[in-house]
C-alpha atoms as a PDB file:
ATOM      1  CA  MET A   1     -15.469 117.325   5.795  1.00  0.00           C
ATOM      2  CA  THR A   2     -14.313 120.823   7.123  1.00  0.00           C
ATOM      3  CA  LYS A   3     -10.657 120.866   8.486  1.00  0.00           C
ATOM      4  CA  LEU A   4      -9.332 123.275  10.936  1.00  0.00           C
ATOM      5  CA  ARG A   5      -6.375 125.407   9.728  1.00  0.00           C
ATOM      6  CA  HIS A   6      -3.401 125.372  12.139  1.00  0.00           C
ATOM      7  CA  THR A   7      -1.384 128.730  12.322  1.00  0.00           C
ATOM      8  CA  PRO A   8       1.258 129.967  14.733  1.00  0.00           C
ATOM      9  CA  ASP A   9      -1.416 132.114  16.233  1.00  0.00           C
ATOM     10  CA  GLY A  10      -4.051 129.568  16.807  1.00  0.00           C
ATOM     11  CA  ASP A  11      -6.603 127.209  14.958  1.00  0.00           C
ATOM     12  CA  TYR A  12      -9.552 128.421  12.976  1.00  0.00           C
ATOM     13  CA  LEU A  13     -11.985 127.028  10.368  1.00  0.00           C
ATOM     14  CA  PRO A  14     -11.658 128.756   6.909  1.00  0.00           C
ATOM     15  CA  GLY A  15     -14.751 130.051   5.288  1.00  0.00           C
ATOM     16  CA  MET A  16     -16.652 127.182   3.402  1.00  0.00           C
ATOM     17  CA  GLY A  17     -14.242 124.633   5.270  1.00  0.00           C
ATOM     18  CA  ARG A  18     -11.413 124.808   2.677  1.00  0.00           C
ATOM     19  CA  HIS A  19      -9.327 127.575   1.375  1.00  0.00           C
ATOM     20  CA  TRP A  20      -9.873 126.494  -2.339  1.00  0.00           C
ATOM     21  CA  LEU A  21     -13.691 126.888  -1.876  1.00  0.00           C
ATOM     22  CA  MET A  22     -13.205 130.722  -0.831  1.00  0.00           C
ATOM     23  CA  PRO A  23     -14.544 132.016  -4.144  1.00  0.00           C
ATOM     24  CA  LEU A  24     -17.906 130.314  -3.606  1.00  0.00           C
ATOM     25  CA  TYR A  25     -18.301 131.734  -0.149  1.00  0.00           C
ATOM     26  CA  ASP A  26     -20.188 134.955  -1.088  1.00  0.00           C
ATOM     27  CA  PRO A  27     -22.351 133.475  -3.862  1.00  0.00           C
ATOM     28  CA  LEU A  28     -23.393 130.653  -1.682  1.00  0.00           C
ATOM     29  CA  SER A  29     -24.077 133.166   1.186  1.00  0.00           C
ATOM     30  CA  ARG A  30     -26.346 135.076  -1.057  1.00  0.00           C
ATOM     31  CA  LEU A  31     -28.169 131.975  -2.233  1.00  0.00           C
ATOM     32  CA  LEU A  32     -28.731 130.718   1.298  1.00  0.00           C
ATOM     33  CA  GLY A  33     -30.015 134.047   2.448  1.00  0.00           C
ATOM     34  CA  ALA A  34     -27.286 135.542   4.821  1.00  0.00           C
ATOM     35  CA  GLY A  35     -28.504 138.960   3.491  1.00  0.00           C
ATOM     36  CA  ARG A  36     -31.693 138.555   5.315  1.00  0.00           C
ATOM     37  CA  LEU A  37     -30.047 137.420   8.507  1.00  0.00           C
ATOM     38  CA  HIS A  38     -27.548 140.299   8.324  1.00  0.00           C
ATOM     39  CA  ARG A  39     -30.557 142.746   8.032  1.00  0.00           C
ATOM     40  CA  GLU A  40     -32.312 141.223  11.000  1.00  0.00           C
ATOM     41  CA  LEU A  41     -29.150 141.371  13.072  1.00  0.00           C
ATOM     42  CA  LEU A  42     -28.514 145.160  12.111  1.00  0.00           C
ATOM     43  CA  ASP A  43     -32.332 146.006  12.771  1.00  0.00           C
ATOM     44  CA  ALA A  44     -31.772 144.665  16.228  1.00  0.00           C
ATOM     45  CA  ALA A  45     -28.465 146.257  16.774  1.00  0.00           C
ATOM     46  CA  ALA A  46     -29.790 149.731  15.760  1.00  0.00           C
ATOM     47  CA  VAL A  47     -26.242 151.141  15.283  1.00  0.00           C
ATOM     48  CA  ARG A  48     -25.974 154.871  15.126  1.00  0.00           C
ATOM     49  CA  ALA A  49     -23.581 157.120  13.266  1.00  0.00           C
ATOM     50  CA  GLY A  50     -20.614 157.839  15.349  1.00  0.00           C
ATOM     51  CA  GLN A  51     -20.553 154.692  17.240  1.00  0.00           C
ATOM     52  CA  ARG A  52     -17.463 152.494  17.331  1.00  0.00           C
ATOM     53  CA  VAL A  53     -18.336 148.753  15.948  1.00  0.00           C
ATOM     54  CA  LEU A  54     -16.398 145.643  15.960  1.00  0.00           C
ATOM     55  CA  GLU A  55     -17.365 142.455  14.119  1.00  0.00           C
ATOM     56  CA  ILE A  56     -15.682 139.245  15.438  1.00  0.00           C
ATOM     57  CA  GLY A  57     -15.342 136.825  12.689  1.00  0.00           C
ATOM     58  CA  CYS A  58     -16.015 139.148   9.860  1.00  0.00           C
ATOM     59  CA  GLY A  59     -15.080 136.681   7.009  1.00  0.00           C
ATOM     60  CA  THR A  60     -15.488 138.503   3.696  1.00  0.00           C
ATOM     61  CA  GLY A  61     -16.905 141.449   5.051  1.00  0.00           C
ATOM     62  CA  ASN A  62     -20.560 141.154   3.958  1.00  0.00           C
ATOM     63  CA  LEU A  63     -22.105 142.372   7.418  1.00  0.00           C
ATOM     64  CA  LEU A  64     -20.027 145.364   7.836  1.00  0.00           C
ATOM     65  CA  THR A  65     -20.391 146.309   4.150  1.00  0.00           C
ATOM     66  CA  ALA A  66     -24.164 146.240   4.789  1.00  0.00           C
ATOM     67  CA  LEU A  67     -23.832 148.127   7.910  1.00  0.00           C
ATOM     68  CA  ALA A  68     -21.615 150.749   6.498  1.00  0.00           C
ATOM     69  CA  ARG A  69     -23.910 151.409   3.694  1.00  0.00           C
ATOM     70  CA  ARG A  70     -26.894 151.450   5.989  1.00  0.00           C
ATOM     71  CA  THR A  71     -25.378 153.844   8.585  1.00  0.00           C
ATOM     72  CA  PRO A  72     -22.560 156.075   7.369  1.00  0.00           C
ATOM     73  CA  GLY A  73     -20.286 157.644   9.841  1.00  0.00           C
ATOM     74  CA  ILE A  74     -19.474 154.745  11.959  1.00  0.00           C
ATOM     75  CA  ASP A  75     -15.964 153.748  13.157  1.00  0.00           C
ATOM     76  CA  ALA A  76     -15.920 149.903  11.989  1.00  0.00           C
ATOM     77  CA  VAL A  77     -13.370 147.277  12.424  1.00  0.00           C
ATOM     78  CA  GLY A  78     -13.717 143.603  11.412  1.00  0.00           C
ATOM     79  CA  ILE A  79     -11.429 140.845  12.737  1.00  0.00           C
ATOM     80  CA  ASP A  80     -10.990 137.359  11.322  1.00  0.00           C
ATOM     81  CA  PRO A  81      -8.143 134.733  11.150  1.00  0.00           C
ATOM     82  CA  ASP A  82      -8.634 133.870   7.726  1.00  0.00           C
ATOM     83  CA  ARG A  83      -6.268 136.001   5.602  1.00  0.00           C
ATOM     84  CA  ALA A  84      -7.830 135.044   2.289  1.00  0.00           C
ATOM     85  CA  ALA A  85     -11.437 136.188   3.664  1.00  0.00           C
ATOM     86  CA  LEU A  86      -9.681 139.412   4.917  1.00  0.00           C
ATOM     87  CA  ARG A  87      -8.283 140.079   1.379  1.00  0.00           C
ATOM     88  CA  ARG A  88     -11.821 139.971  -0.150  1.00  0.00           C
ATOM     89  CA  ALA A  89     -13.383 142.149   2.616  1.00  0.00           C
ATOM     90  CA  ARG A  90     -10.700 144.620   2.084  1.00  0.00           C
ATOM     91  CA  ARG A  91     -11.345 144.783  -1.593  1.00  0.00           C
ATOM     92  CA  LYS A  92     -15.015 145.252  -1.115  1.00  0.00           C
ATOM     93  CA  ALA A  93     -14.521 148.149   1.299  1.00  0.00           C
ATOM     94  CA  ALA A  94     -12.168 149.839  -1.174  1.00  0.00           C
ATOM     95  CA  ARG A  95     -14.429 149.118  -4.143  1.00  0.00           C
ATOM     96  CA  GLY A  96     -17.441 150.706  -2.209  1.00  0.00           C
ATOM     97  CA  ALA A  97     -15.212 153.423  -0.721  1.00  0.00           C
ATOM     98  CA  LEU A  98     -16.438 152.188   2.708  1.00  0.00           C
ATOM     99  CA  ALA A  99     -14.335 153.368   5.791  1.00  0.00           C
ATOM    100  CA  ILE A 100     -13.951 149.816   7.259  1.00  0.00           C
ATOM    101  CA  ARG A 101     -10.788 148.367   8.820  1.00  0.00           C
ATOM    102  CA  TYR A 102     -10.286 144.781   8.695  1.00  0.00           C
ATOM    103  CA  GLU A 103      -7.528 143.180  10.867  1.00  0.00           C
ATOM    104  CA  TYR A 104      -6.110 139.822  11.286  1.00  0.00           C
ATOM    105  CA  ALA A 105      -6.750 138.519  14.805  1.00  0.00           C
ATOM    106  CA  PHE A 106      -8.639 135.927  16.609  1.00  0.00           C
ATOM    107  CA  ALA A 107     -11.826 136.618  18.831  1.00  0.00           C
ATOM    108  CA  ALA A 108     -10.054 135.292  21.970  1.00  0.00           C
ATOM    109  CA  ASP A 109      -7.265 137.790  21.539  1.00  0.00           C
ATOM    110  CA  LEU A 110      -8.704 141.134  20.130  1.00  0.00           C
ATOM    111  CA  PRO A 111      -6.123 143.872  19.143  1.00  0.00           C
ATOM    112  CA  LEU A 112      -8.210 146.533  20.667  1.00  0.00           C
ATOM    113  CA  PRO A 113      -8.004 148.761  23.978  1.00  0.00           C
ATOM    114  CA  ASP A 114     -10.147 148.046  26.922  1.00  0.00           C
ATOM    115  CA  GLY A 115     -13.591 149.875  26.730  1.00  0.00           C
ATOM    116  CA  GLY A 116     -12.946 150.992  23.062  1.00  0.00           C
ATOM    117  CA  VAL A 117     -16.220 149.622  21.427  1.00  0.00           C
ATOM    118  CA  ASP A 118     -19.686 150.630  21.582  1.00  0.00           C
ATOM    119  CA  VAL A 119     -21.149 147.703  19.768  1.00  0.00           C
ATOM    120  CA  VAL A 120     -19.894 144.136  18.970  1.00  0.00           C
ATOM    121  CA  LEU A 121     -21.527 142.080  16.112  1.00  0.00           C
ATOM    122  CA  SER A 122     -21.215 138.360  15.663  1.00  0.00           C
ATOM    123  CA  SER A 123     -22.893 136.478  12.957  1.00  0.00           C
ATOM    124  CA  LEU A 124     -22.724 132.762  12.717  1.00  0.00           C
ATOM    125  CA  MET A 125     -19.392 132.531  14.159  1.00  0.00           C
ATOM    126  CA  LEU A 126     -19.650 131.632  17.872  1.00  0.00           C
ATOM    127  CA  HIS A 127     -20.778 128.102  16.974  1.00  0.00           C
ATOM    128  CA  HIS A 128     -17.360 127.305  15.359  1.00  0.00           C
ATOM    129  CA  LEU A 129     -15.540 127.750  18.780  1.00  0.00           C
ATOM    130  CA  ASP A 130     -15.406 125.026  21.455  1.00  0.00           C
ATOM    131  CA  GLU A 131     -16.758 125.938  24.926  1.00  0.00           C
ATOM    132  CA  PRO A 132     -13.364 127.331  26.242  1.00  0.00           C
ATOM    133  CA  GLY A 133     -12.765 129.152  23.173  1.00  0.00           C
ATOM    134  CA  ARG A 134     -16.380 130.627  23.332  1.00  0.00           C
ATOM    135  CA  GLY A 135     -15.838 131.608  26.780  1.00  0.00           C
ATOM    136  CA  ARG A 136     -12.355 133.314  26.092  1.00  0.00           C
ATOM    137  CA  ALA A 137     -13.851 135.012  23.018  1.00  0.00           C
ATOM    138  CA  LEU A 138     -16.898 136.538  25.031  1.00  0.00           C
ATOM    139  CA  ALA A 139     -14.538 137.458  27.747  1.00  0.00           C
ATOM    140  CA  GLU A 140     -12.619 139.709  25.206  1.00  0.00           C
ATOM    141  CA  VAL A 141     -15.885 141.072  23.854  1.00  0.00           C
ATOM    142  CA  ARG A 142     -16.759 142.262  27.469  1.00  0.00           C
ATOM    143  CA  ARG A 143     -13.201 143.583  27.903  1.00  0.00           C
ATOM    144  CA  VAL A 144     -13.240 145.719  24.549  1.00  0.00           C
ATOM    145  CA  LEU A 145     -16.953 146.957  25.273  1.00  0.00           C
ATOM    146  CA  ALA A 146     -17.248 150.490  26.655  1.00  0.00           C
ATOM    147  CA  PRO A 147     -19.544 150.801  29.722  1.00  0.00           C
ATOM    148  CA  GLY A 148     -22.989 150.586  28.357  1.00  0.00           C
ATOM    149  CA  GLY A 149     -21.775 148.898  25.220  1.00  0.00           C
ATOM    150  CA  ARG A 150     -23.667 145.847  23.879  1.00  0.00           C
ATOM    151  CA  LEU A 151     -22.990 142.546  22.010  1.00  0.00           C
ATOM    152  CA  HIS A 152     -25.462 141.620  19.368  1.00  0.00           C
ATOM    153  CA  MET A 153     -24.938 138.034  18.073  1.00  0.00           C
ATOM    154  CA  LEU A 154     -26.802 135.798  15.565  1.00  0.00           C
ATOM    155  CA  ASP A 155     -26.078 132.112  15.723  1.00  0.00           C
ATOM    156  CA  PHE A 156     -27.569 128.660  15.527  1.00  0.00           C
ATOM    157  CA  THR A 157     -29.654 127.503  18.358  1.00  0.00           C
ATOM    158  CA  GLY A 158     -28.835 124.889  20.679  1.00  0.00           C
ATOM    159  CA  ASP A 159     -25.016 125.697  20.709  1.00  0.00           C
ATOM    160  CA  GLY A 160     -24.473 126.812  24.270  1.00  0.00           C
ATOM    161  CA  PHE A 161     -25.284 130.550  24.033  1.00  0.00           C
ATOM    162  CA  GLY A 162     -27.646 130.927  26.892  1.00  0.00           C
ATOM    163  CA  ALA A 163     -27.614 133.823  29.462  1.00  0.00           C
ATOM    164  CA  GLY A 164     -25.369 131.640  31.838  1.00  0.00           C
ATOM    165  CA  THR A 165     -22.709 131.656  29.223  1.00  0.00           C
ATOM    166  CA  LEU A 166     -22.742 135.341  28.685  1.00  0.00           C
ATOM    167  CA  ALA A 167     -22.906 135.993  32.123  1.00  0.00           C
ATOM    168  CA  ALA A 168     -19.837 133.919  32.815  1.00  0.00           C
ATOM    169  CA  ALA A 169     -18.074 136.173  30.466  1.00  0.00           C
ATOM    170  CA  GLY A 170     -19.220 139.249  32.479  1.00  0.00           C
ATOM    171  CA  LEU A 171     -22.084 140.257  29.966  1.00  0.00           C
ATOM    172  CA  ARG A 172     -25.349 141.015  31.532  1.00  0.00           C
ATOM    173  CA  ASP A 173     -29.056 141.395  30.568  1.00  0.00           C
ATOM    174  CA  ALA A 174     -28.921 138.772  28.030  1.00  0.00           C
ATOM    175  CA  THR A 175     -32.045 139.237  25.969  1.00  0.00           C
ATOM    176  CA  GLU A 176     -33.507 137.408  22.915  1.00  0.00           C
ATOM    177  CA  THR A 177     -34.215 139.944  20.118  1.00  0.00           C
ATOM    178  CA  GLY A 178     -35.246 137.624  17.289  1.00  0.00           C
ATOM    179  CA  ARG A 179     -35.327 134.195  15.983  1.00  0.00           C
ATOM    180  CA  GLY A 180     -36.089 132.191  12.824  1.00  0.00           C
ATOM    181  CA  ARG A 181     -34.871 129.554  10.515  1.00  0.00           C
ATOM    182  CA  LEU A 182     -32.262 129.586   7.750  1.00  0.00           C
ATOM    183  CA  HIS A 183     -33.556 126.603   5.754  1.00  0.00           C
ATOM    184  CA  ARG A 184     -33.624 123.707   8.108  1.00  0.00           C
ATOM    185  CA  MET A 185     -31.479 125.416  10.822  1.00  0.00           C
ATOM    186  CA  ARG A 186     -32.920 127.591  13.608  1.00  0.00           C
ATOM    187  CA  TYR A 187     -31.154 130.723  14.719  1.00  0.00           C
ATOM    188  CA  VAL A 188     -31.397 133.352  17.481  1.00  0.00           C
ATOM    189  CA  ILE A 189     -30.413 136.839  17.845  1.00  0.00           C
ATOM    190  CA  VAL A 190     -29.363 137.937  21.356  1.00  0.00           C
ATOM    191  CA  ARG A 191     -28.253 141.200  22.973  1.00  0.00           C
ATOM    192  CA  ALA A 192     -26.101 141.263  25.956  1.00  0.00           C
ATOM    193  CA  ASP A 193     -24.852 144.525  27.679  1.00  0.00           C
ATOM    194  CA  ARG A 194     -21.817 145.266  29.548  1.00  0.00           C
END
């Protein structure tokens, strides 16, 4: 049974559901095929050198690591409320000499200026939030996106990520850019613009 972690800043679900399981996060992610999902999301996002990229709920940094290797010259930042996951992400970036910043933050309170990001990425994170939390996080995504910026998210289907949810947060032109299965779970990749 997973357990929410309570902090003075808010509640969050640790990677693997429990902090003591964190060492298993990356091996299990590889075993389950998360790398394939990340490639699909990055293909859809088509990030270019020079763009400012934010990943919300970056966990141990696997998606941004893949992006930085694929597209040198990006300005990348990942946020997560799990300090243990952020320590692992920072070590990966340092080992790979990758210019990625990782910051402690919640998606509903992003430590970034208005309109300062070209692309926001979200991979299997939003389904962890309740409906009000998801709305606050998406409103923050809209706030930090530059005019013409875009959100690319990958998440499980049936979790309330339709065009109406995105439109209510001020994001427009929600378009499905991919779908598939991760074992028995169906997922969808969606793009929405500011």
